[in-house]
């Protein structure tokens, strides 16, 4: 299972802070070609943050890479198991995030 391109929230997202904190756009799935790391972490999700405070944005609008297995994993938050990243499907939020993305990466 791989994430489809689109917009996602990280489990740390807090809608009270802003619509785009801990929001990301998944762009592609990549594969690390060298064999010096285990196969299960060679597939990478390529994505970019939609908030200026993100390290990779501040360092030159770079893209994030995360092993697919980690991206798709679950974490415990407030005593509950939740997905690390969840796809955003709300049309109003998607429109706002597309506008933010266009502003950040134009």
N, C-alpha and C. Protein backbone atom coordinates (compact mmCIF):
# COMPACT_ATOMS: atom_id res chain seq x y z
N UNK A 1 0.85 -1.19 0.00
CA UNK A 1 0.00 0.00 0.00
C UNK A 1 0.89 1.24 0.00
N UNK A 2 0.59 2.18 -0.88
CA UNK A 2 1.35 3.43 -0.95
C UNK A 2 0.37 4.60 -0.95
N UNK A 3 0.81 5.74 -0.39
CA UNK A 3 -0.08 6.90 -0.39
C UNK A 3 -0.21 7.48 -1.80
N UNK A 4 -1.40 7.91 -2.12
CA UNK A 4 -1.62 8.58 -3.39
C UNK A 4 -1.09 10.00 -3.30
N UNK A 5 -0.68 10.59 -4.42
CA UNK A 5 -0.31 12.01 -4.38
C UNK A 5 -1.49 12.83 -3.85
N UNK A 6 -1.18 13.83 -3.08
CA UNK A 6 -2.22 14.67 -2.51
C UNK A 6 -1.79 15.27 -1.19
N UNK A 7 -2.74 15.75 -0.44
CA UNK A 7 -2.47 16.47 0.80
C UNK A 7 -2.76 15.60 2.01
N UNK A 8 -1.87 15.72 3.01
CA UNK A 8 -1.94 14.90 4.21
C UNK A 8 -1.64 15.74 5.44
N UNK A 9 -2.23 15.34 6.55
CA UNK A 9 -1.87 15.90 7.85
C UNK A 9 -1.03 14.88 8.60
N UNK A 10 -0.01 15.38 9.26
CA UNK A 10 0.78 14.59 10.20
C UNK A 10 -0.02 14.53 11.50
N UNK A 11 0.18 13.50 12.27
CA UNK A 11 -0.61 13.34 13.49
C UNK A 11 -0.42 14.49 14.48
N UNK A 12 0.63 15.28 14.34
CA UNK A 12 0.85 16.43 15.23
C UNK A 12 0.03 17.66 14.82
N UNK A 13 -0.68 17.58 13.70
CA UNK A 13 -1.49 18.71 13.24
C UNK A 13 -2.48 19.15 14.31
N UNK A 14 -2.57 20.46 14.49
CA UNK A 14 -3.54 21.04 15.42
C UNK A 14 -4.35 22.10 14.66
N UNK A 15 -5.61 21.81 14.35
CA UNK A 15 -6.41 22.76 13.56
C UNK A 15 -6.64 24.09 14.26
N UNK A 16 -6.46 24.13 15.57
CA UNK A 16 -6.61 25.39 16.30
C UNK A 16 -5.47 26.34 15.94
N UNK A 17 -4.29 25.79 15.68
CA UNK A 17 -3.12 26.61 15.36
C UNK A 17 -3.28 27.24 13.97
N UNK A 18 -3.50 26.41 12.97
CA UNK A 18 -3.72 26.89 11.60
C UNK A 18 -4.12 25.70 10.72
N UNK A 19 -4.68 26.01 9.58
CA UNK A 19 -5.11 24.96 8.65
C UNK A 19 -3.92 24.21 8.07
N UNK A 20 -2.75 24.87 8.04
CA UNK A 20 -1.61 24.25 7.36
C UNK A 20 -0.47 23.80 8.26
N UNK A 21 -0.62 23.89 9.59
CA UNK A 21 0.48 23.39 10.41
C UNK A 21 0.53 21.87 10.29
N UNK A 22 1.72 21.35 10.13
CA UNK A 22 1.94 19.91 9.92
C UNK A 22 1.11 19.36 8.76
N UNK A 23 1.02 20.15 7.70
CA UNK A 23 0.36 19.68 6.48
C UNK A 23 1.43 19.49 5.41
N UNK A 24 1.17 18.52 4.55
CA UNK A 24 2.17 18.13 3.55
C UNK A 24 1.49 17.77 2.24
N UNK A 25 2.25 17.90 1.18
CA UNK A 25 1.80 17.43 -0.12
C UNK A 25 2.69 16.26 -0.53
N UNK A 26 2.09 15.09 -0.68
CA UNK A 26 2.81 13.92 -1.17
C UNK A 26 2.94 14.04 -2.68
N UNK A 27 4.17 13.91 -3.16
CA UNK A 27 4.45 14.09 -4.58
C UNK A 27 4.70 12.77 -5.31
N UNK A 28 5.54 11.93 -4.74
CA UNK A 28 5.97 10.71 -5.42
C UNK A 28 6.38 9.65 -4.40
N UNK A 29 6.60 8.46 -4.93
CA UNK A 29 7.27 7.40 -4.19
C UNK A 29 8.59 7.18 -4.91
N UNK A 30 9.67 7.12 -4.14
CA UNK A 30 10.98 6.89 -4.72
C UNK A 30 11.58 5.60 -4.16
N UNK A 31 12.70 5.23 -4.72
CA UNK A 31 13.37 4.00 -4.29
C UNK A 31 14.85 4.29 -4.16
N UNK A 32 15.40 4.02 -2.99
CA UNK A 32 16.83 4.16 -2.74
C UNK A 32 17.54 3.02 -3.46
N UNK A 33 18.48 3.34 -4.36
CA UNK A 33 19.02 2.32 -5.25
C UNK A 33 20.17 1.50 -4.67
N UNK A 34 20.85 2.02 -3.68
CA UNK A 34 21.96 1.27 -3.11
C UNK A 34 21.43 0.14 -2.24
N UNK A 35 22.20 -0.90 -2.10
CA UNK A 35 21.76 -2.07 -1.34
C UNK A 35 22.31 -2.10 0.08
N UNK A 36 22.83 -0.98 0.56
CA UNK A 36 23.45 -0.97 1.89
C UNK A 36 22.46 -0.73 3.03
N UNK A 37 21.18 -0.66 2.71
CA UNK A 37 20.15 -0.55 3.75
C UNK A 37 19.08 -1.61 3.47
N UNK A 38 18.35 -2.00 4.50
CA UNK A 38 17.34 -3.05 4.31
C UNK A 38 16.27 -2.67 3.29
N UNK A 39 15.80 -3.67 2.57
CA UNK A 39 14.79 -3.47 1.52
C UNK A 39 13.56 -2.74 2.03
N UNK A 40 13.11 -3.05 3.25
CA UNK A 40 11.86 -2.45 3.76
C UNK A 40 11.95 -0.95 3.98
N UNK A 41 13.14 -0.39 3.98
CA UNK A 41 13.22 1.07 4.12
C UNK A 41 13.78 1.75 2.87
N UNK A 42 13.94 1.02 1.79
CA UNK A 42 14.43 1.63 0.54
C UNK A 42 13.36 2.40 -0.21
N UNK A 43 12.10 2.03 -0.05
CA UNK A 43 11.03 2.78 -0.71
C UNK A 43 10.75 4.02 0.12
N UNK A 44 10.78 5.18 -0.53
CA UNK A 44 10.65 6.46 0.16
C UNK A 44 9.45 7.25 -0.36
N UNK A 45 8.79 7.93 0.55
CA UNK A 45 7.74 8.88 0.18
C UNK A 45 8.42 10.23 0.01
N UNK A 46 8.15 10.88 -1.11
CA UNK A 46 8.70 12.21 -1.39
C UNK A 46 7.56 13.19 -1.19
N UNK A 47 7.75 14.14 -0.28
CA UNK A 47 6.68 15.08 0.04
C UNK A 47 7.28 16.41 0.47
N UNK A 48 6.44 17.43 0.53
CA UNK A 48 6.94 18.75 0.94
C UNK A 48 5.98 19.37 1.94
N UNK A 49 6.55 20.15 2.85
CA UNK A 49 5.73 20.80 3.87
C UNK A 49 4.97 21.98 3.29
N UNK A 50 3.87 22.30 3.91
CA UNK A 50 3.06 23.46 3.50
C UNK A 50 3.05 24.52 4.60
N UNK A 51 4.16 24.58 5.33
CA UNK A 51 4.30 25.62 6.36
C UNK A 51 5.76 26.04 6.42
N UNK A 52 5.97 27.34 6.59
CA UNK A 52 7.31 27.92 6.50
C UNK A 52 8.25 27.52 7.62
N UNK A 53 7.73 27.04 8.74
CA UNK A 53 8.57 26.69 9.88
C UNK A 53 9.30 25.35 9.67
N UNK A 54 8.89 24.58 8.70
CA UNK A 54 9.50 23.27 8.46
C UNK A 54 10.97 23.44 8.07
N UNK A 55 11.81 22.59 8.63
CA UNK A 55 13.25 22.65 8.39
C UNK A 55 13.58 22.64 6.89
N UNK A 56 13.02 21.68 6.16
CA UNK A 56 13.39 21.58 4.74
C UNK A 56 12.91 22.78 3.93
N UNK A 57 11.84 23.42 4.36
CA UNK A 57 11.40 24.63 3.67
C UNK A 57 12.40 25.76 3.94
N UNK A 58 12.77 25.93 5.19
CA UNK A 58 13.72 26.98 5.56
C UNK A 58 15.09 26.78 4.91
N UNK A 59 15.45 25.53 4.65
CA UNK A 59 16.76 25.23 4.08
C UNK A 59 16.79 25.29 2.56
N UNK A 60 15.78 25.88 1.95
CA UNK A 60 15.81 26.07 0.50
C UNK A 60 14.64 25.44 -0.23
N UNK A 61 13.53 25.30 0.48
CA UNK A 61 12.32 24.72 -0.13
C UNK A 61 12.61 23.31 -0.66
N UNK A 62 13.34 22.55 0.13
CA UNK A 62 13.66 21.18 -0.23
C UNK A 62 12.45 20.27 -0.01
N UNK A 63 12.57 19.03 -0.44
CA UNK A 63 11.51 18.04 -0.23
C UNK A 63 11.93 17.11 0.89
N UNK A 64 10.95 16.60 1.59
CA UNK A 64 11.19 15.60 2.63
C UNK A 64 11.20 14.21 2.01
N UNK A 65 11.94 13.32 2.63
CA UNK A 65 11.93 11.90 2.29
C UNK A 65 11.70 11.13 3.58
N UNK A 66 10.86 10.13 3.51
CA UNK A 66 10.61 9.28 4.66
C UNK A 66 10.36 7.86 4.16
N UNK A 67 10.95 6.87 4.82
CA UNK A 67 10.67 5.50 4.39
C UNK A 67 9.16 5.25 4.35
N UNK A 68 8.72 4.59 3.29
CA UNK A 68 7.30 4.29 3.13
C UNK A 68 6.75 3.58 4.36
N UNK A 69 7.50 2.65 4.91
CA UNK A 69 7.02 1.90 6.08
C UNK A 69 6.77 2.81 7.27
N UNK A 70 7.58 3.85 7.41
CA UNK A 70 7.39 4.79 8.52
C UNK A 70 6.21 5.72 8.20
N UNK A 71 6.15 6.22 6.98
CA UNK A 71 5.06 7.11 6.59
C UNK A 71 3.70 6.45 6.84
N UNK A 72 3.59 5.17 6.52
CA UNK A 72 2.32 4.45 6.63
C UNK A 72 2.07 3.86 8.01
N UNK A 73 2.99 4.06 8.93
CA UNK A 73 2.86 3.45 10.26
C UNK A 73 1.89 4.21 11.16
N UNK A 74 1.62 3.61 12.30
CA UNK A 74 0.77 4.22 13.32
C UNK A 74 1.62 4.66 14.50
N UNK A 75 1.08 5.58 15.27
CA UNK A 75 1.72 6.06 16.50
C UNK A 75 0.65 6.13 17.58
N UNK A 76 1.08 6.27 18.82
CA UNK A 76 0.14 6.43 19.92
C UNK A 76 0.08 7.91 20.28
N UNK A 77 -1.12 8.46 20.25
CA UNK A 77 -1.35 9.87 20.60
C UNK A 77 -2.50 9.91 21.60
N UNK A 78 -2.23 10.49 22.75
CA UNK A 78 -3.24 10.59 23.81
C UNK A 78 -3.84 9.22 24.14
N UNK A 79 -2.98 8.19 24.16
CA UNK A 79 -3.42 6.86 24.52
C UNK A 79 -4.14 6.09 23.43
N UNK A 80 -4.25 6.67 22.23
CA UNK A 80 -4.94 6.01 21.11
C UNK A 80 -3.97 5.80 19.96
N UNK A 81 -4.14 4.70 19.26
CA UNK A 81 -3.33 4.47 18.08
C UNK A 81 -3.95 5.21 16.90
N UNK A 82 -3.13 6.03 16.24
CA UNK A 82 -3.59 6.81 15.08
C UNK A 82 -2.56 6.66 13.96
N UNK A 83 -2.99 6.92 12.74
CA UNK A 83 -2.05 6.87 11.63
C UNK A 83 -1.10 8.07 11.70
N UNK A 84 0.14 7.85 11.31
CA UNK A 84 1.14 8.93 11.33
C UNK A 84 0.73 10.06 10.37
N UNK A 85 0.24 9.70 9.20
CA UNK A 85 -0.24 10.67 8.21
C UNK A 85 -1.64 10.27 7.78
N UNK A 86 -2.52 11.25 7.64
CA UNK A 86 -3.88 10.96 7.17
C UNK A 86 -4.20 11.87 5.98
N UNK A 87 -4.80 11.26 4.98
CA UNK A 87 -5.15 11.99 3.76
C UNK A 87 -6.25 13.00 4.05
N UNK A 88 -6.14 14.17 3.48
CA UNK A 88 -7.13 15.23 3.64
C UNK A 88 -8.10 15.13 2.46
N UNK A 89 -9.39 15.08 2.78
CA UNK A 89 -10.40 14.95 1.73
C UNK A 89 -11.41 16.10 1.73
N UNK A 90 -11.41 16.92 2.76
CA UNK A 90 -12.35 18.04 2.86
C UNK A 90 -12.03 19.06 1.75
N UNK A 91 -12.98 19.31 0.86
CA UNK A 91 -12.75 20.18 -0.30
C UNK A 91 -12.36 21.59 0.08
N UNK A 92 -12.97 22.14 1.11
CA UNK A 92 -12.65 23.51 1.53
C UNK A 92 -11.21 23.59 2.04
N UNK A 93 -10.79 22.60 2.81
CA UNK A 93 -9.41 22.57 3.31
C UNK A 93 -8.44 22.36 2.16
N UNK A 94 -8.78 21.48 1.23
CA UNK A 94 -7.92 21.24 0.08
C UNK A 94 -7.70 22.52 -0.73
N UNK A 95 -8.75 23.30 -0.92
CA UNK A 95 -8.61 24.57 -1.66
C UNK A 95 -7.66 25.51 -0.93
N UNK A 96 -7.78 25.60 0.39
CA UNK A 96 -6.88 26.47 1.16
C UNK A 96 -5.45 25.98 1.06
N UNK A 97 -5.25 24.68 1.17
CA UNK A 97 -3.88 24.14 1.11
C UNK A 97 -3.28 24.29 -0.28
N UNK A 98 -4.08 24.15 -1.32
CA UNK A 98 -3.57 24.37 -2.68
C UNK A 98 -3.12 25.81 -2.86
N UNK A 99 -3.87 26.73 -2.31
CA UNK A 99 -3.51 28.15 -2.39
C UNK A 99 -2.21 28.41 -1.61
N UNK A 100 -2.09 27.83 -0.43
CA UNK A 100 -0.87 27.97 0.37
C UNK A 100 0.31 27.37 -0.37
N UNK A 101 0.12 26.18 -0.94
CA UNK A 101 1.19 25.53 -1.71
C UNK A 101 1.65 26.42 -2.86
N UNK A 102 0.70 26.98 -3.60
CA UNK A 102 1.03 27.83 -4.73
C UNK A 102 1.82 29.06 -4.29
N UNK A 103 1.46 29.62 -3.16
CA UNK A 103 2.16 30.78 -2.63
C UNK A 103 3.58 30.40 -2.18
N UNK A 104 3.71 29.27 -1.51
CA UNK A 104 5.02 28.86 -0.98
C UNK A 104 5.99 28.41 -2.06
N UNK A 105 5.48 27.76 -3.09
CA UNK A 105 6.35 27.13 -4.07
C UNK A 105 6.25 27.70 -5.48
N UNK A 106 5.74 28.92 -5.61
CA UNK A 106 5.66 29.52 -6.95
C UNK A 106 6.97 30.15 -7.36
